[in-house]
């Protein structure tokens, strides 16, 4: 098994898993049972979406197609008014 995607949250992990399965690739989410295992402190880096070794190149293409690999450059823009705190 090889890691196709390291997820920040459970939603992204299952989004990637279902996209891989829709592409005909077997995919598994590992670390799901560890979420919340440390009480109220979140654990990061434990959610992994894995595929068989031979499926890794195709899985990478599917993950890249989802647009989850890179965060937006400016998630909160000053021009939309959302980044401005009230005085």
N, C-alpha and C. Protein backbone atom coordinates (compact mmCIF):
# COMPACT_ATOMS: atom_id res chain seq x y z
N UNK A 1 0.85 -1.18 0.00
CA UNK A 1 0.00 0.00 0.00
C UNK A 1 0.89 1.23 0.00
N UNK A 2 0.46 2.24 -0.74
CA UNK A 2 1.19 3.51 -0.81
C UNK A 2 0.23 4.65 -0.48
N UNK A 3 0.76 5.70 0.10
CA UNK A 3 -0.06 6.86 0.46
C UNK A 3 -0.30 7.70 -0.79
N UNK A 4 -1.56 7.87 -1.11
CA UNK A 4 -1.95 8.70 -2.26
C UNK A 4 -2.27 10.12 -1.81
N UNK A 5 -2.71 10.28 -0.55
CA UNK A 5 -3.11 11.60 -0.07
C UNK A 5 -3.04 11.63 1.45
N UNK A 6 -2.44 12.67 2.00
CA UNK A 6 -2.45 12.93 3.44
C UNK A 6 -3.53 13.98 3.69
N UNK A 7 -4.56 13.60 4.41
CA UNK A 7 -5.71 14.49 4.60
C UNK A 7 -5.59 15.28 5.89
N UNK A 8 -6.10 16.50 5.85
CA UNK A 8 -6.16 17.35 7.03
C UNK A 8 -7.40 17.07 7.86
N UNK A 9 -8.43 16.54 7.19
CA UNK A 9 -9.68 16.27 7.90
C UNK A 9 -10.38 15.08 7.27
N UNK A 10 -11.37 14.59 7.97
CA UNK A 10 -12.08 13.39 7.55
C UNK A 10 -12.87 13.60 6.27
N UNK A 11 -13.38 14.81 6.08
CA UNK A 11 -14.15 15.10 4.87
C UNK A 11 -13.29 14.97 3.63
N UNK A 12 -12.08 15.57 3.65
CA UNK A 12 -11.19 15.47 2.50
C UNK A 12 -10.75 14.03 2.27
N UNK A 13 -10.50 13.30 3.34
CA UNK A 13 -10.07 11.90 3.20
C UNK A 13 -11.12 11.09 2.46
N UNK A 14 -12.38 11.25 2.85
CA UNK A 14 -13.43 10.48 2.19
C UNK A 14 -13.75 11.01 0.80
N UNK A 15 -13.58 12.29 0.57
CA UNK A 15 -13.75 12.85 -0.77
C UNK A 15 -12.76 12.20 -1.73
N UNK A 16 -11.49 12.12 -1.30
CA UNK A 16 -10.45 11.51 -2.13
C UNK A 16 -10.73 10.01 -2.30
N UNK A 17 -11.10 9.34 -1.23
CA UNK A 17 -11.38 7.91 -1.31
C UNK A 17 -12.48 7.62 -2.33
N UNK A 18 -13.56 8.39 -2.27
CA UNK A 18 -14.67 8.15 -3.19
C UNK A 18 -14.30 8.51 -4.63
N UNK A 19 -13.49 9.55 -4.81
CA UNK A 19 -13.04 9.91 -6.16
C UNK A 19 -12.17 8.81 -6.74
N UNK A 20 -11.30 8.23 -5.91
CA UNK A 20 -10.45 7.14 -6.38
C UNK A 20 -11.28 5.91 -6.72
N UNK A 21 -12.25 5.61 -5.88
CA UNK A 21 -13.12 4.46 -6.16
C UNK A 21 -13.95 4.68 -7.42
N UNK A 22 -14.39 5.92 -7.65
CA UNK A 22 -15.14 6.22 -8.88
C UNK A 22 -14.27 6.04 -10.12
N UNK A 23 -12.95 6.23 -9.95
CA UNK A 23 -12.01 6.03 -11.05
C UNK A 23 -11.62 4.56 -11.20
N UNK A 24 -12.19 3.70 -10.37
CA UNK A 24 -11.92 2.28 -10.47
C UNK A 24 -10.71 1.81 -9.68
N UNK A 25 -10.24 2.64 -8.76
CA UNK A 25 -9.06 2.29 -7.95
C UNK A 25 -9.49 1.93 -6.53
N UNK A 26 -8.98 0.84 -5.99
CA UNK A 26 -9.29 0.54 -4.59
C UNK A 26 -8.57 1.53 -3.68
N UNK A 27 -9.28 2.06 -2.71
CA UNK A 27 -8.69 3.06 -1.80
C UNK A 27 -9.16 2.78 -0.38
N UNK A 28 -8.29 3.11 0.56
CA UNK A 28 -8.57 2.86 1.98
C UNK A 28 -8.17 4.07 2.79
N UNK A 29 -8.97 4.43 3.78
CA UNK A 29 -8.65 5.52 4.70
C UNK A 29 -8.07 4.90 5.97
N UNK A 30 -6.86 5.28 6.31
CA UNK A 30 -6.22 4.81 7.53
C UNK A 30 -6.11 5.96 8.51
N UNK A 31 -6.27 5.66 9.78
CA UNK A 31 -6.14 6.66 10.83
C UNK A 31 -7.46 7.27 11.25
N UNK A 32 -8.54 6.83 10.64
CA UNK A 32 -9.86 7.40 10.95
C UNK A 32 -10.24 7.18 12.41
N UNK A 33 -9.89 6.04 12.94
CA UNK A 33 -10.26 5.74 14.32
C UNK A 33 -9.42 6.50 15.33
N UNK A 34 -8.35 7.16 14.88
CA UNK A 34 -7.50 7.92 15.79
C UNK A 34 -7.99 9.34 16.02
N UNK A 35 -8.92 9.79 15.17
CA UNK A 35 -9.42 11.16 15.30
C UNK A 35 -10.12 11.29 16.64
N UNK A 36 -9.75 12.28 17.40
CA UNK A 36 -10.34 12.51 18.71
C UNK A 36 -9.75 11.63 19.79
N UNK A 37 -8.75 10.84 19.45
CA UNK A 37 -8.14 9.96 20.44
C UNK A 37 -7.34 10.70 21.49
N UNK A 38 -7.02 11.95 21.23
CA UNK A 38 -6.26 12.75 22.17
C UNK A 38 -7.17 13.74 22.91
N UNK A 39 -8.42 13.41 23.03
CA UNK A 39 -9.34 14.30 23.72
C UNK A 39 -9.75 15.45 22.84
N UNK A 40 -9.62 16.66 23.35
CA UNK A 40 -10.05 17.82 22.60
C UNK A 40 -8.96 18.36 21.68
N UNK A 41 -7.75 17.86 21.79
CA UNK A 41 -6.67 18.32 20.92
C UNK A 41 -6.75 17.58 19.59
N UNK A 42 -6.77 18.32 18.47
CA UNK A 42 -6.85 17.63 17.17
C UNK A 42 -5.51 16.99 16.82
N UNK A 43 -5.57 15.87 16.17
CA UNK A 43 -4.38 15.21 15.66
C UNK A 43 -4.24 15.54 14.19
N UNK A 44 -3.03 15.86 13.76
CA UNK A 44 -2.79 16.18 12.36
C UNK A 44 -1.82 15.16 11.79
N UNK A 45 -1.99 14.84 10.53
CA UNK A 45 -1.09 13.94 9.86
C UNK A 45 -1.37 12.47 10.08
N UNK A 46 -2.50 12.13 10.65
CA UNK A 46 -2.81 10.72 10.89
C UNK A 46 -3.75 10.14 9.84
N UNK A 47 -4.46 10.99 9.10
CA UNK A 47 -5.39 10.50 8.09
C UNK A 47 -4.65 10.31 6.77
N UNK A 48 -4.66 9.08 6.28
CA UNK A 48 -3.98 8.76 5.04
C UNK A 48 -4.94 7.99 4.14
N UNK A 49 -4.96 8.37 2.87
CA UNK A 49 -5.70 7.61 1.88
C UNK A 49 -4.67 6.81 1.09
N UNK A 50 -4.79 5.50 1.14
CA UNK A 50 -3.79 4.63 0.53
C UNK A 50 -4.40 3.82 -0.61
N UNK A 51 -3.54 3.49 -1.56
CA UNK A 51 -3.92 2.66 -2.71
C UNK A 51 -2.86 1.58 -2.89
N UNK A 52 -3.16 0.52 -3.64
CA UNK A 52 -2.13 -0.47 -3.94
C UNK A 52 -0.96 0.18 -4.70
N UNK A 53 0.21 -0.40 -4.54
CA UNK A 53 1.42 0.17 -5.16
C UNK A 53 1.25 0.45 -6.65
N UNK A 54 0.69 -0.48 -7.38
CA UNK A 54 0.55 -0.33 -8.83
C UNK A 54 -0.41 0.79 -9.23
N UNK A 55 -1.29 1.19 -8.34
CA UNK A 55 -2.30 2.20 -8.66
C UNK A 55 -1.86 3.61 -8.32
N UNK A 56 -0.67 3.77 -7.74
CA UNK A 56 -0.24 5.09 -7.27
C UNK A 56 -0.15 6.14 -8.37
N UNK A 57 0.44 5.87 -9.53
CA UNK A 57 0.50 6.93 -10.56
C UNK A 57 -0.88 7.44 -10.98
N UNK A 58 -1.81 6.53 -11.20
CA UNK A 58 -3.16 6.95 -11.59
C UNK A 58 -3.87 7.65 -10.44
N UNK A 59 -3.62 7.20 -9.21
CA UNK A 59 -4.24 7.83 -8.04
C UNK A 59 -3.75 9.27 -7.89
N UNK A 60 -2.48 9.52 -8.15
CA UNK A 60 -1.96 10.90 -8.06
C UNK A 60 -2.66 11.82 -9.04
N UNK A 61 -2.95 11.32 -10.24
CA UNK A 61 -3.66 12.13 -11.23
C UNK A 61 -5.06 12.47 -10.76
N UNK A 62 -5.74 11.50 -10.15
CA UNK A 62 -7.10 11.72 -9.65
C UNK A 62 -7.07 12.77 -8.53
N UNK A 63 -6.11 12.63 -7.61
CA UNK A 63 -6.01 13.57 -6.48
C UNK A 63 -5.69 14.98 -6.99
N UNK A 64 -4.78 15.09 -7.93
CA UNK A 64 -4.46 16.40 -8.49
C UNK A 64 -5.68 17.02 -9.18
N UNK A 65 -6.49 16.20 -9.80
CA UNK A 65 -7.70 16.68 -10.46
C UNK A 65 -8.74 17.23 -9.49
N UNK A 66 -8.66 16.82 -8.24
CA UNK A 66 -9.60 17.32 -7.22
C UNK A 66 -9.23 18.72 -6.74
N UNK A 67 -8.00 19.13 -6.95
CA UNK A 67 -7.57 20.46 -6.52
C UNK A 67 -7.35 20.60 -5.03
N UNK A 68 -7.09 19.50 -4.36
CA UNK A 68 -6.88 19.55 -2.91
C UNK A 68 -5.41 19.67 -2.52
N UNK A 69 -4.52 19.56 -3.47
CA UNK A 69 -3.10 19.54 -3.15
C UNK A 69 -2.56 20.90 -2.71
N UNK A 70 -3.05 21.97 -3.28
CA UNK A 70 -2.52 23.27 -2.90
C UNK A 70 -3.64 24.16 -2.38
N UNK A 71 -3.43 24.78 -1.22
CA UNK A 71 -4.45 25.69 -0.70
C UNK A 71 -4.53 26.95 -1.55
N UNK A 72 -5.63 27.64 -1.50
CA UNK A 72 -5.73 28.89 -2.26
C UNK A 72 -4.67 29.88 -1.78
N UNK A 73 -4.16 30.67 -2.72
CA UNK A 73 -3.09 31.60 -2.37
C UNK A 73 -3.57 32.68 -1.40
N UNK A 74 -4.81 33.11 -1.55
CA UNK A 74 -5.34 34.16 -0.70
C UNK A 74 -6.75 33.76 -0.25
N UNK A 75 -6.85 32.91 0.79
CA UNK A 75 -8.17 32.43 1.18
C UNK A 75 -9.11 33.51 1.68
N UNK A 76 -8.57 34.56 2.26
CA UNK A 76 -9.39 35.68 2.72
C UNK A 76 -8.83 36.94 2.10
N UNK A 77 -9.61 37.53 1.25
CA UNK A 77 -9.17 38.73 0.55
C UNK A 77 -9.73 39.96 1.24
N UNK A 78 -8.96 41.04 1.26
CA UNK A 78 -9.44 42.29 1.83
C UNK A 78 -10.57 42.88 1.00
N UNK A 79 -10.64 42.53 -0.29
CA UNK A 79 -11.63 43.14 -1.15
C UNK A 79 -13.03 42.57 -0.94
N UNK A 80 -13.16 41.40 -0.33
CA UNK A 80 -14.49 40.83 -0.17
C UNK A 80 -15.14 41.20 1.15
N UNK A 81 -14.42 41.92 2.01
CA UNK A 81 -14.98 42.36 3.25
C UNK A 81 -14.94 41.33 4.37
N UNK A 82 -14.59 40.09 4.03
CA UNK A 82 -14.56 39.03 5.04
C UNK A 82 -13.32 39.10 5.92
N UNK A 83 -12.26 39.72 5.42
CA UNK A 83 -11.02 39.76 6.18
C UNK A 83 -10.94 40.97 7.09
N UNK A 84 -11.95 41.80 7.09
CA UNK A 84 -11.93 43.03 7.89
C UNK A 84 -12.69 42.79 9.19
N UNK A 85 -12.04 43.03 10.29
CA UNK A 85 -12.69 42.87 11.60
C UNK A 85 -13.42 44.16 11.96
N UNK A 86 -14.56 44.05 12.63
CA UNK A 86 -15.28 45.27 13.03
C UNK A 86 -14.47 46.04 14.07
N UNK A 87 -14.61 47.35 14.05
CA UNK A 87 -13.86 48.20 14.97
C UNK A 87 -14.49 48.22 16.35
